[in-house]
Amino acid sequence: MTTLKKTLLLIIRITVAIILIQTLRFKFTRHPDSVYIFTEVGLEPYGRIGIGILELLAGISLLIPKTIWLGSSITIGLMLGAVFMHITKIGIEVNNDNGVLFYTAITTLILSLIIFYNYRKDAPIFNRHQ
């Protein structure tokens, strides 16, 4: 992997980690928007807290070289769930946010797919030749 590619992937990993970790304050402090969203999808309060814990785990894992594949995998799953819930239950726009949460989930999903693709060989399931 070239230095430029490594640098770009590092920037993408940090970006995704920041997105994941900065949302934790809303989930863990019972912010009204977060409570509203998780109530609408029927996951309040345990889903809100559980997903927050998974987002914390994913954000940290994205920053540790040996667990980048794990962090991106968890993030892909979480963002697929978020996009699905937006499309099927809560809508693109939530509490007049102009779709910011939805588009952030889409962006995070795409970035996580890029990360996973580039680190897929580190995942034990794809690295069985050892």
N, C-alpha and C. Protein backbone atom coordinates (compact mmCIF):
# COMPACT_ATOMS: atom_id res chain seq x y z
N MET A 1 0.85 -1.17 0.00
CA MET A 1 0.00 0.00 0.00
C MET A 1 0.91 1.25 0.00
N THR A 2 0.59 2.19 -0.87
CA THR A 2 1.41 3.39 -0.97
C THR A 2 1.20 4.30 0.24
N THR A 3 2.14 5.20 0.44
CA THR A 3 2.03 6.15 1.56
C THR A 3 0.80 7.03 1.40
N LEU A 4 0.52 7.46 0.18
CA LEU A 4 -0.66 8.30 -0.07
C LEU A 4 -1.94 7.55 0.29
N LYS A 5 -2.03 6.30 -0.14
CA LYS A 5 -3.21 5.48 0.15
C LYS A 5 -3.36 5.27 1.65
N LYS A 6 -2.26 4.96 2.33
CA LYS A 6 -2.30 4.78 3.78
C LYS A 6 -2.78 6.05 4.48
N THR A 7 -2.29 7.20 4.01
CA THR A 7 -2.66 8.48 4.61
C THR A 7 -4.15 8.77 4.38
N LEU A 8 -4.62 8.54 3.16
CA LEU A 8 -6.04 8.77 2.87
C LEU A 8 -6.93 7.84 3.70
N LEU A 9 -6.52 6.59 3.82
CA LEU A 9 -7.30 5.65 4.64
C LEU A 9 -7.28 6.03 6.11
N LEU A 10 -6.16 6.54 6.59
CA LEU A 10 -6.09 7.01 7.97
C LEU A 10 -7.06 8.17 8.19
N ILE A 11 -7.10 9.10 7.25
CA ILE A 11 -8.02 10.24 7.34
C ILE A 11 -9.47 9.75 7.34
N ILE A 12 -9.78 8.79 6.48
CA ILE A 12 -11.14 8.24 6.43
C ILE A 12 -11.47 7.54 7.74
N ARG A 13 -10.53 6.75 8.28
CA ARG A 13 -10.76 6.04 9.55
C ARG A 13 -11.01 7.02 10.68
N ILE A 14 -10.20 8.07 10.75
CA ILE A 14 -10.38 9.08 11.81
C ILE A 14 -11.72 9.79 11.65
N THR A 15 -12.09 10.09 10.42
CA THR A 15 -13.37 10.75 10.16
C THR A 15 -14.53 9.90 10.66
N VAL A 16 -14.53 8.62 10.29
CA VAL A 16 -15.61 7.72 10.73
C VAL A 16 -15.60 7.58 12.25
N ALA A 17 -14.43 7.43 12.85
CA ALA A 17 -14.34 7.31 14.31
C ALA A 17 -14.91 8.56 14.99
N ILE A 18 -14.59 9.73 14.46
CA ILE A 18 -15.11 10.98 15.04
C ILE A 18 -16.63 11.03 14.91
N ILE A 19 -17.15 10.66 13.75
CA ILE A 19 -18.61 10.65 13.57
C ILE A 19 -19.26 9.74 14.60
N LEU A 20 -18.72 8.53 14.74
CA LEU A 20 -19.30 7.57 15.68
C LEU A 20 -19.21 8.06 17.12
N ILE A 21 -18.05 8.54 17.50
CA ILE A 21 -17.82 8.91 18.90
C ILE A 21 -18.55 10.20 19.28
N GLN A 22 -18.66 11.15 18.34
CA GLN A 22 -19.34 12.40 18.69
C GLN A 22 -20.85 12.22 18.89
N THR A 23 -21.41 11.16 18.31
CA THR A 23 -22.85 10.93 18.50
C THR A 23 -23.17 10.31 19.86
N LEU A 24 -22.14 9.82 20.54
CA LEU A 24 -22.37 9.14 21.82
C LEU A 24 -22.97 10.06 22.87
N ARG A 25 -22.58 11.32 22.84
CA ARG A 25 -23.11 12.24 23.86
C ARG A 25 -24.63 12.34 23.77
N PHE A 26 -25.17 12.21 22.56
CA PHE A 26 -26.63 12.26 22.40
C PHE A 26 -27.29 11.00 22.95
N LYS A 27 -26.65 9.86 22.68
CA LYS A 27 -27.23 8.60 23.14
C LYS A 27 -27.10 8.43 24.66
N PHE A 28 -25.94 8.74 25.19
CA PHE A 28 -25.69 8.48 26.61
C PHE A 28 -26.24 9.55 27.54
N THR A 29 -26.61 10.71 27.02
CA THR A 29 -27.18 11.76 27.88
C THR A 29 -28.70 11.87 27.72
N ARG A 30 -29.28 10.92 27.00
CA ARG A 30 -30.73 10.91 26.77
C ARG A 30 -31.20 12.19 26.08
N HIS A 31 -30.45 12.65 25.09
CA HIS A 31 -30.86 13.83 24.32
C HIS A 31 -32.25 13.56 23.74
N PRO A 32 -33.15 14.55 23.80
CA PRO A 32 -34.53 14.33 23.32
C PRO A 32 -34.62 13.80 21.89
N ASP A 33 -33.75 14.24 20.99
CA ASP A 33 -33.79 13.73 19.62
C ASP A 33 -33.44 12.24 19.58
N SER A 34 -32.46 11.85 20.36
CA SER A 34 -32.05 10.45 20.40
C SER A 34 -33.16 9.59 21.01
N VAL A 35 -33.75 10.06 22.09
CA VAL A 35 -34.85 9.33 22.72
C VAL A 35 -36.02 9.22 21.75
N TYR A 36 -36.32 10.29 21.04
CA TYR A 36 -37.41 10.28 20.05
C TYR A 36 -37.18 9.22 18.98
N ILE A 37 -35.97 9.21 18.41
CA ILE A 37 -35.65 8.26 17.34
C ILE A 37 -35.78 6.83 17.82
N PHE A 38 -35.20 6.54 18.97
CA PHE A 38 -35.23 5.15 19.45
C PHE A 38 -36.61 4.75 19.95
N THR A 39 -37.41 5.70 20.39
CA THR A 39 -38.80 5.41 20.74
C THR A 39 -39.59 5.07 19.48
N GLU A 40 -39.37 5.83 18.42
CA GLU A 40 -40.07 5.60 17.15
C GLU A 40 -39.80 4.21 16.59
N VAL A 41 -38.58 3.72 16.76
CA VAL A 41 -38.25 2.39 16.21
C VAL A 41 -38.43 1.28 17.24
N GLY A 42 -38.90 1.63 18.44
CA GLY A 42 -39.20 0.63 19.46
C GLY A 42 -37.98 0.07 20.18
N LEU A 43 -36.92 0.86 20.25
CA LEU A 43 -35.70 0.37 20.89
C LEU A 43 -35.26 1.20 22.09
N GLU A 44 -36.10 2.07 22.57
CA GLU A 44 -35.74 2.93 23.71
C GLU A 44 -36.01 2.18 25.00
N PRO A 45 -35.13 2.16 25.98
CA PRO A 45 -33.82 2.77 26.07
C PRO A 45 -32.67 1.81 25.74
N TYR A 46 -32.97 0.49 25.77
CA TYR A 46 -31.89 -0.50 25.67
C TYR A 46 -31.19 -0.46 24.31
N GLY A 47 -31.94 -0.25 23.25
CA GLY A 47 -31.34 -0.15 21.92
C GLY A 47 -30.44 1.06 21.80
N ARG A 48 -30.88 2.17 22.37
CA ARG A 48 -30.09 3.41 22.32
C ARG A 48 -28.75 3.20 23.03
N ILE A 49 -28.79 2.62 24.19
CA ILE A 49 -27.58 2.40 24.97
C ILE A 49 -26.71 1.32 24.30
N GLY A 50 -27.32 0.22 23.87
CA GLY A 50 -26.58 -0.86 23.22
C GLY A 50 -25.91 -0.42 21.93
N ILE A 51 -26.62 0.33 21.13
CA ILE A 51 -26.05 0.83 19.89
C ILE A 51 -24.95 1.84 20.20
N GLY A 52 -25.13 2.64 21.23
CA GLY A 52 -24.07 3.56 21.65
C GLY A 52 -22.79 2.81 22.03
N ILE A 53 -22.95 1.71 22.76
CA ILE A 53 -21.78 0.91 23.15
C ILE A 53 -21.11 0.32 21.91
N LEU A 54 -21.90 -0.17 20.96
CA LEU A 54 -21.33 -0.72 19.73
C LEU A 54 -20.62 0.37 18.92
N GLU A 55 -21.19 1.57 18.89
CA GLU A 55 -20.54 2.68 18.17
C GLU A 55 -19.22 3.06 18.84
N LEU A 56 -19.18 3.02 20.15
CA LEU A 56 -17.93 3.29 20.86
C LEU A 56 -16.89 2.23 20.52
N LEU A 57 -17.29 0.97 20.57
CA LEU A 57 -16.39 -0.14 20.22
C LEU A 57 -15.89 0.00 18.78
N ALA A 58 -16.78 0.32 17.86
CA ALA A 58 -16.40 0.48 16.45
C ALA A 58 -15.43 1.65 16.28
N GLY A 59 -15.74 2.78 16.92
CA GLY A 59 -14.89 3.96 16.79
C GLY A 59 -13.48 3.71 17.29
N ILE A 60 -13.36 3.03 18.42
CA ILE A 60 -12.05 2.70 18.97
C ILE A 60 -11.33 1.69 18.07
N SER A 61 -12.07 0.68 17.61
CA SER A 61 -11.47 -0.37 16.77
C SER A 61 -10.93 0.18 15.46
N LEU A 62 -11.55 1.21 14.93
CA LEU A 62 -11.07 1.82 13.69
C LEU A 62 -9.70 2.48 13.85
N LEU A 63 -9.34 2.79 15.07
CA LEU A 63 -8.08 3.49 15.33
C LEU A 63 -6.94 2.55 15.72
N ILE A 64 -7.25 1.28 15.93
CA ILE A 64 -6.25 0.29 16.31
C ILE A 64 -5.94 -0.57 15.08
N PRO A 65 -4.70 -0.55 14.59
CA PRO A 65 -4.37 -1.23 13.34
C PRO A 65 -4.86 -2.68 13.21
N LYS A 66 -4.75 -3.49 14.26
CA LYS A 66 -5.15 -4.90 14.16
C LYS A 66 -6.67 -5.10 14.14
N THR A 67 -7.43 -4.06 14.51
CA THR A 67 -8.89 -4.23 14.59
C THR A 67 -9.65 -3.32 13.63
N ILE A 68 -8.95 -2.76 12.66
CA ILE A 68 -9.62 -1.89 11.69
C ILE A 68 -10.74 -2.64 10.98
N TRP A 69 -10.47 -3.89 10.58
CA TRP A 69 -11.49 -4.69 9.89
C TRP A 69 -12.73 -4.88 10.77
N LEU A 70 -12.52 -5.06 12.07
CA LEU A 70 -13.63 -5.26 13.00
C LEU A 70 -14.43 -3.97 13.15
N GLY A 71 -13.74 -2.86 13.35
CA GLY A 71 -14.42 -1.57 13.49
C GLY A 71 -15.24 -1.22 12.27
N SER A 72 -14.67 -1.46 11.09
CA SER A 72 -15.42 -1.14 9.86
C SER A 72 -16.59 -2.10 9.68
N SER A 73 -16.42 -3.36 10.06
CA SER A 73 -17.53 -4.33 9.96
C SER A 73 -18.69 -3.94 10.87
N ILE A 74 -18.38 -3.60 12.10
CA ILE A 74 -19.42 -3.18 13.04
C ILE A 74 -20.12 -1.93 12.52
N THR A 75 -19.34 -0.98 12.02
CA THR A 75 -19.91 0.26 11.51
C THR A 75 -20.81 0.00 10.31
N ILE A 76 -20.41 -0.87 9.42
CA ILE A 76 -21.25 -1.21 8.27
C ILE A 76 -22.59 -1.75 8.75
N GLY A 77 -22.56 -2.67 9.70
CA GLY A 77 -23.81 -3.22 10.24
C GLY A 77 -24.69 -2.16 10.89
N LEU A 78 -24.07 -1.31 11.69
CA LEU A 78 -24.83 -0.25 12.36
C LEU A 78 -25.44 0.72 11.37
N MET A 79 -24.66 1.11 10.37
CA MET A 79 -25.16 2.09 9.40
C MET A 79 -26.21 1.49 8.47
N LEU A 80 -26.08 0.21 8.14
CA LEU A 80 -27.15 -0.44 7.37
C LEU A 80 -28.45 -0.42 8.18
N GLY A 81 -28.34 -0.69 9.48
CA GLY A 81 -29.51 -0.63 10.35
C GLY A 81 -30.08 0.77 10.42
N ALA A 82 -29.22 1.78 10.55
CA ALA A 82 -29.68 3.17 10.64
C ALA A 82 -30.39 3.59 9.35
N VAL A 83 -29.78 3.27 8.21
CA VAL A 83 -30.40 3.63 6.92
C VAL A 83 -31.74 2.92 6.77
N PHE A 84 -31.79 1.64 7.12
CA PHE A 84 -33.03 0.87 7.03
C PHE A 84 -34.12 1.50 7.90
N MET A 85 -33.77 1.87 9.12
CA MET A 85 -34.76 2.48 10.02
C MET A 85 -35.23 3.84 9.49
N HIS A 86 -34.32 4.60 8.93
CA HIS A 86 -34.72 5.89 8.34
C HIS A 86 -35.71 5.67 7.21
N ILE A 87 -35.42 4.71 6.35
CA ILE A 87 -36.26 4.48 5.17
C ILE A 87 -37.61 3.88 5.56
N THR A 88 -37.64 2.97 6.55
CA THR A 88 -38.87 2.25 6.86
C THR A 88 -39.69 2.81 8.01
N LYS A 89 -39.06 3.49 8.97
CA LYS A 89 -39.81 3.88 10.17
C LYS A 89 -39.78 5.36 10.50
N ILE A 90 -38.62 5.99 10.44
CA ILE A 90 -38.54 7.36 10.95
C ILE A 90 -38.46 8.43 9.88
N GLY A 91 -38.21 8.02 8.64
CA GLY A 91 -38.14 8.98 7.54
C GLY A 91 -36.74 9.56 7.37
N ILE A 92 -36.56 10.19 6.23
CA ILE A 92 -35.27 10.80 5.89
C ILE A 92 -35.00 11.99 6.82
N GLU A 93 -36.02 12.78 7.03
CA GLU A 93 -35.88 13.97 7.88
C GLU A 93 -36.44 13.67 9.27
N VAL A 94 -35.64 13.96 10.29
CA VAL A 94 -36.05 13.71 11.67
C VAL A 94 -36.02 15.04 12.44
N ASN A 95 -37.15 15.42 12.99
CA ASN A 95 -37.24 16.66 13.77
C ASN A 95 -36.63 17.86 13.03
N ASN A 96 -37.01 18.00 11.76
CA ASN A 96 -36.57 19.14 10.94
C ASN A 96 -35.06 19.25 10.80
N ASP A 97 -34.37 18.12 10.69
CA ASP A 97 -32.90 18.16 10.55
C ASP A 97 -32.45 18.22 9.09
N ASN A 98 -33.41 18.34 8.17
CA ASN A 98 -33.11 18.38 6.73
C ASN A 98 -32.37 17.13 6.24
N GLY A 99 -32.55 16.03 6.92
CA GLY A 99 -31.94 14.77 6.51
C GLY A 99 -30.50 14.59 6.91
N VAL A 100 -29.99 15.45 7.80
CA VAL A 100 -28.58 15.39 8.19
C VAL A 100 -28.23 14.02 8.77
N LEU A 101 -29.05 13.48 9.66
CA LEU A 101 -28.74 12.17 10.25
C LEU A 101 -28.72 11.08 9.19
N PHE A 102 -29.70 11.11 8.30
CA PHE A 102 -29.77 10.10 7.24
C PHE A 102 -28.55 10.17 6.33
N TYR A 103 -28.22 11.36 5.86
CA TYR A 103 -27.09 11.51 4.94
C TYR A 103 -25.75 11.25 5.63
N THR A 104 -25.68 11.52 6.91
CA THR A 104 -24.47 11.18 7.67
C THR A 104 -24.33 9.66 7.76
N ALA A 105 -25.45 8.96 7.97
CA ALA A 105 -25.42 7.49 8.01
C ALA A 105 -24.99 6.92 6.66
N ILE A 106 -25.50 7.48 5.56
CA ILE A 106 -25.12 7.02 4.22
C ILE A 106 -23.62 7.24 3.99
N THR A 107 -23.15 8.44 4.33
CA THR A 107 -21.73 8.77 4.16
C THR A 107 -20.85 7.85 4.99
N THR A 108 -21.25 7.63 6.25
CA THR A 108 -20.48 6.76 7.14
C THR A 108 -20.47 5.33 6.62
N LEU A 109 -21.59 4.88 6.08
CA LEU A 109 -21.67 3.55 5.48
C LEU A 109 -20.69 3.42 4.31
N ILE A 110 -20.71 4.39 3.42
CA ILE A 110 -19.82 4.34 2.24
C ILE A 110 -18.35 4.36 2.68
N LEU A 111 -18.01 5.24 3.61
CA LEU A 111 -16.63 5.31 4.08
C LEU A 111 -16.21 4.01 4.76
N SER A 112 -17.11 3.41 5.50
CA SER A 112 -16.80 2.14 6.19
C SER A 112 -16.62 1.00 5.19
N LEU A 113 -17.37 1.02 4.12
CA LEU A 113 -17.19 0.01 3.06
C LEU A 113 -15.82 0.17 2.41
N ILE A 114 -15.40 1.41 2.20
CA ILE A 114 -14.07 1.66 1.64
C ILE A 114 -12.99 1.14 2.59
N ILE A 115 -13.16 1.44 3.88
CA ILE A 115 -12.19 0.97 4.87
C ILE A 115 -12.13 -0.55 4.89
N PHE A 116 -13.31 -1.18 4.98
CA PHE A 116 -13.32 -2.64 5.06
C PHE A 116 -12.69 -3.27 3.81
N TYR A 117 -13.01 -2.75 2.64
CA TYR A 117 -12.45 -3.30 1.41
C TYR A 117 -10.92 -3.28 1.46
N ASN A 118 -10.37 -2.20 1.95
CA ASN A 118 -8.92 -2.06 1.97
C ASN A 118 -8.23 -2.85 3.08
N TYR A 119 -8.97 -3.24 4.10
CA TYR A 119 -8.39 -4.00 5.22
C TYR A 119 -9.00 -5.39 5.34
N ARG A 120 -9.71 -5.83 4.32
CA ARG A 120 -10.42 -7.12 4.37
C ARG A 120 -9.48 -8.29 4.62
N LYS A 121 -8.25 -8.21 4.15
CA LYS A 121 -7.30 -9.32 4.33
C LYS A 121 -6.87 -9.48 5.79
N ASP A 122 -7.11 -8.47 6.60
CA ASP A 122 -6.80 -8.56 8.03
C ASP A 122 -7.88 -9.32 8.81
N ALA A 123 -9.06 -9.47 8.20
CA ALA A 123 -10.17 -10.17 8.87
C ALA A 123 -9.87 -11.66 8.85
N PRO A 124 -9.96 -12.32 10.00
CA PRO A 124 -9.63 -13.75 10.07
C PRO A 124 -10.42 -14.61 9.08
N ILE A 125 -11.64 -14.26 8.80
CA ILE A 125 -12.46 -15.07 7.89
C ILE A 125 -11.90 -15.06 6.47
N PHE A 126 -11.20 -13.97 6.09
CA PHE A 126 -10.62 -13.88 4.76
C PHE A 126 -9.14 -14.23 4.73
N ASN A 127 -8.59 -14.57 5.88
CA ASN A 127 -7.15 -14.81 5.98
C ASN A 127 -6.89 -16.19 6.58
N ARG A 128 -7.37 -17.22 5.91
CA ARG A 128 -7.29 -18.58 6.43
C ARG A 128 -6.04 -19.32 6.00
N HIS A 129 -5.17 -18.74 5.21
CA HIS A 129 -3.99 -19.43 4.70
C HIS A 129 -2.85 -19.53 5.70
N GLN A 130 -3.03 -19.12 6.91
CA GLN A 130 -1.94 -19.13 7.91
C GLN A 130 -1.71 -20.50 8.47
